[in-house]
C-alpha atoms as a PDB file:
ATOM      1  CA  MET A   1     -72.428  36.528  -3.334  1.00  0.00           C
ATOM      2  CA  PRO A   2     -68.685  36.219  -2.584  1.00  0.00           C
ATOM      3  CA  ARG A   3     -66.341  39.183  -3.077  1.00  0.00           C
ATOM      4  CA  ARG A   4     -64.417  38.987  -6.317  1.00  0.00           C
ATOM      5  CA  ALA A   5     -60.630  38.538  -5.998  1.00  0.00           C
ATOM      6  CA  ARG A   6     -58.473  41.527  -6.952  1.00  0.00           C
ATOM      7  CA  VAL A   7     -55.598  40.450  -8.974  1.00  0.00           C
ATOM      8  CA  ALA A   8     -52.265  42.279 -10.042  1.00  0.00           C
ATOM      9  CA  ILE A   9     -50.344  41.037 -13.018  1.00  0.00           C
ATOM     10  CA  VAL A  10     -46.604  41.020 -12.210  1.00  0.00           C
ATOM     11  CA  GLY A  11     -44.658  41.233 -15.457  1.00  0.00           C
ATOM     12  CA  ALA A  12     -46.334  42.875 -18.381  1.00  0.00           C
ATOM     13  CA  GLY A  13     -44.507  40.850 -21.156  1.00  0.00           C
ATOM     14  CA  GLY A  14     -45.620  38.181 -23.508  1.00  0.00           C
ATOM     15  CA  ILE A  15     -46.700  35.551 -21.180  1.00  0.00           C
ATOM     16  CA  ALA A  16     -49.055  37.963 -19.334  1.00  0.00           C
ATOM     17  CA  GLY A  17     -50.877  38.687 -22.484  1.00  0.00           C
ATOM     18  CA  ILE A  18     -51.086  35.098 -23.994  1.00  0.00           C
ATOM     19  CA  SER A  19     -51.637  33.186 -20.703  1.00  0.00           C
ATOM     20  CA  HIS A  20     -52.470  35.185 -17.646  1.00  0.00           C
ATOM     21  CA  MET A  21     -55.149  37.455 -19.203  1.00  0.00           C
ATOM     22  CA  PRO A  22     -57.029  34.866 -21.018  1.00  0.00           C
ATOM     23  CA  ALA A  23     -56.987  32.634 -17.865  1.00  0.00           C
ATOM     24  CA  LEU A  24     -58.295  35.495 -15.716  1.00  0.00           C
ATOM     25  CA  ALA A  25     -60.904  36.515 -18.407  1.00  0.00           C
ATOM     26  CA  ALA A  26     -62.274  33.019 -18.132  1.00  0.00           C
ATOM     27  CA  GLU A  27     -62.629  33.602 -14.386  1.00  0.00           C
ATOM     28  CA  ARG A  28     -64.050  37.243 -14.771  1.00  0.00           C
ATOM     29  CA  HIS A  29     -67.075  36.250 -12.701  1.00  0.00           C
ATOM     30  CA  ARG A  30     -64.636  35.762  -9.785  1.00  0.00           C
ATOM     31  CA  THR A  31     -61.728  38.044 -10.440  1.00  0.00           C
ATOM     32  CA  ASP A  32     -61.028  41.682 -11.189  1.00  0.00           C
ATOM     33  CA  VAL A  33     -57.527  42.537 -12.661  1.00  0.00           C
ATOM     34  CA  VAL A  34     -56.784  45.861 -10.843  1.00  0.00           C
ATOM     35  CA  ALA A  35     -53.072  46.399 -11.604  1.00  0.00           C
ATOM     36  CA  ALA A  36     -50.125  45.513 -13.881  1.00  0.00           C
ATOM     37  CA  VAL A  37     -46.600  45.893 -12.681  1.00  0.00           C
ATOM     38  CA  ASP A  38     -43.433  45.817 -14.639  1.00  0.00           C
ATOM     39  CA  VAL A  39     -39.880  46.952 -14.350  1.00  0.00           C
ATOM     40  CA  ASP A  40     -40.437  48.930 -17.617  1.00  0.00           C
ATOM     41  CA  GLY A  41     -42.990  51.646 -16.871  1.00  0.00           C
ATOM     42  CA  THR A  42     -43.922  52.237 -20.468  1.00  0.00           C
ATOM     43  CA  ARG A  43     -44.653  48.500 -20.929  1.00  0.00           C
ATOM     44  CA  ALA A  44     -46.797  48.445 -17.696  1.00  0.00           C
ATOM     45  CA  LYS A  45     -48.836  51.495 -18.903  1.00  0.00           C
ATOM     46  CA  ALA A  46     -49.233  50.029 -22.445  1.00  0.00           C
ATOM     47  CA  PHE A  47     -50.339  46.656 -21.086  1.00  0.00           C
ATOM     48  CA  SER A  48     -52.751  48.254 -18.737  1.00  0.00           C
ATOM     49  CA  ALA A  49     -54.300  50.381 -21.453  1.00  0.00           C
ATOM     50  CA  ASP A  50     -54.566  47.545 -23.862  1.00  0.00           C
ATOM     51  CA  HIS A  51     -56.336  45.315 -21.367  1.00  0.00           C
ATOM     52  CA  GLY A  52     -58.471  47.897 -19.505  1.00  0.00           C
ATOM     53  CA  ILE A  53     -56.552  47.533 -16.265  1.00  0.00           C
ATOM     54  CA  PRO A  54     -57.012  50.551 -13.992  1.00  0.00           C
ATOM     55  CA  GLN A  55     -53.523  50.823 -12.460  1.00  0.00           C
ATOM     56  CA  ALA A  56     -49.968  50.472 -13.882  1.00  0.00           C
ATOM     57  CA  TYR A  57     -46.863  50.443 -11.572  1.00  0.00           C
ATOM     58  CA  THR A  58     -43.263  50.313 -12.293  1.00  0.00           C
ATOM     59  CA  GLY A  59     -40.562  48.450 -10.144  1.00  0.00           C
ATOM     60  CA  ARG A  60     -40.387  45.825  -7.494  1.00  0.00           C
ATOM     61  CA  PRO A  61     -42.097  47.209  -4.388  1.00  0.00           C
ATOM     62  CA  LEU A  62     -45.349  45.535  -5.242  1.00  0.00           C
ATOM     63  CA  ARG A  63     -46.448  45.311  -1.615  1.00  0.00           C
ATOM     64  CA  GLN A  64     -46.367  49.014  -1.235  1.00  0.00           C
ATOM     65  CA  GLN A  65     -48.075  49.701  -4.532  1.00  0.00           C
ATOM     66  CA  SER A  66     -50.770  47.137  -4.552  1.00  0.00           C
ATOM     67  CA  ALA A  67     -52.647  47.582  -1.270  1.00  0.00           C
ATOM     68  CA  GLY A  68     -55.926  45.689  -1.623  1.00  0.00           C
ATOM     69  CA  VAL A  69     -54.702  43.086  -4.025  1.00  0.00           C
ATOM     70  CA  ASP A  70     -55.693  39.581  -3.123  1.00  0.00           C
ATOM     71  CA  LEU A  71     -53.661  37.637  -5.755  1.00  0.00           C
ATOM     72  CA  ARG A  72     -50.651  38.149  -7.867  1.00  0.00           C
ATOM     73  CA  ALA A  73     -50.167  36.472 -11.357  1.00  0.00           C
ATOM     74  CA  VAL A  74     -46.421  36.257 -11.961  1.00  0.00           C
END
């Protein structure tokens, strides 16, 4: 069985909740959402908590923060 893709959501605003998360949920047999990133740390943490995402990051240096992420949904 192929390895599931590890996905980071970049931007934890409205589009992430109404578009990215439902699309990724439909592919949950192939993806794991492992991180949410937003310039607003409070929003990133709240989004992660609301959607059961294990990691929340603040700021732009996504490459440093998301080691092991295969895909980014922006």
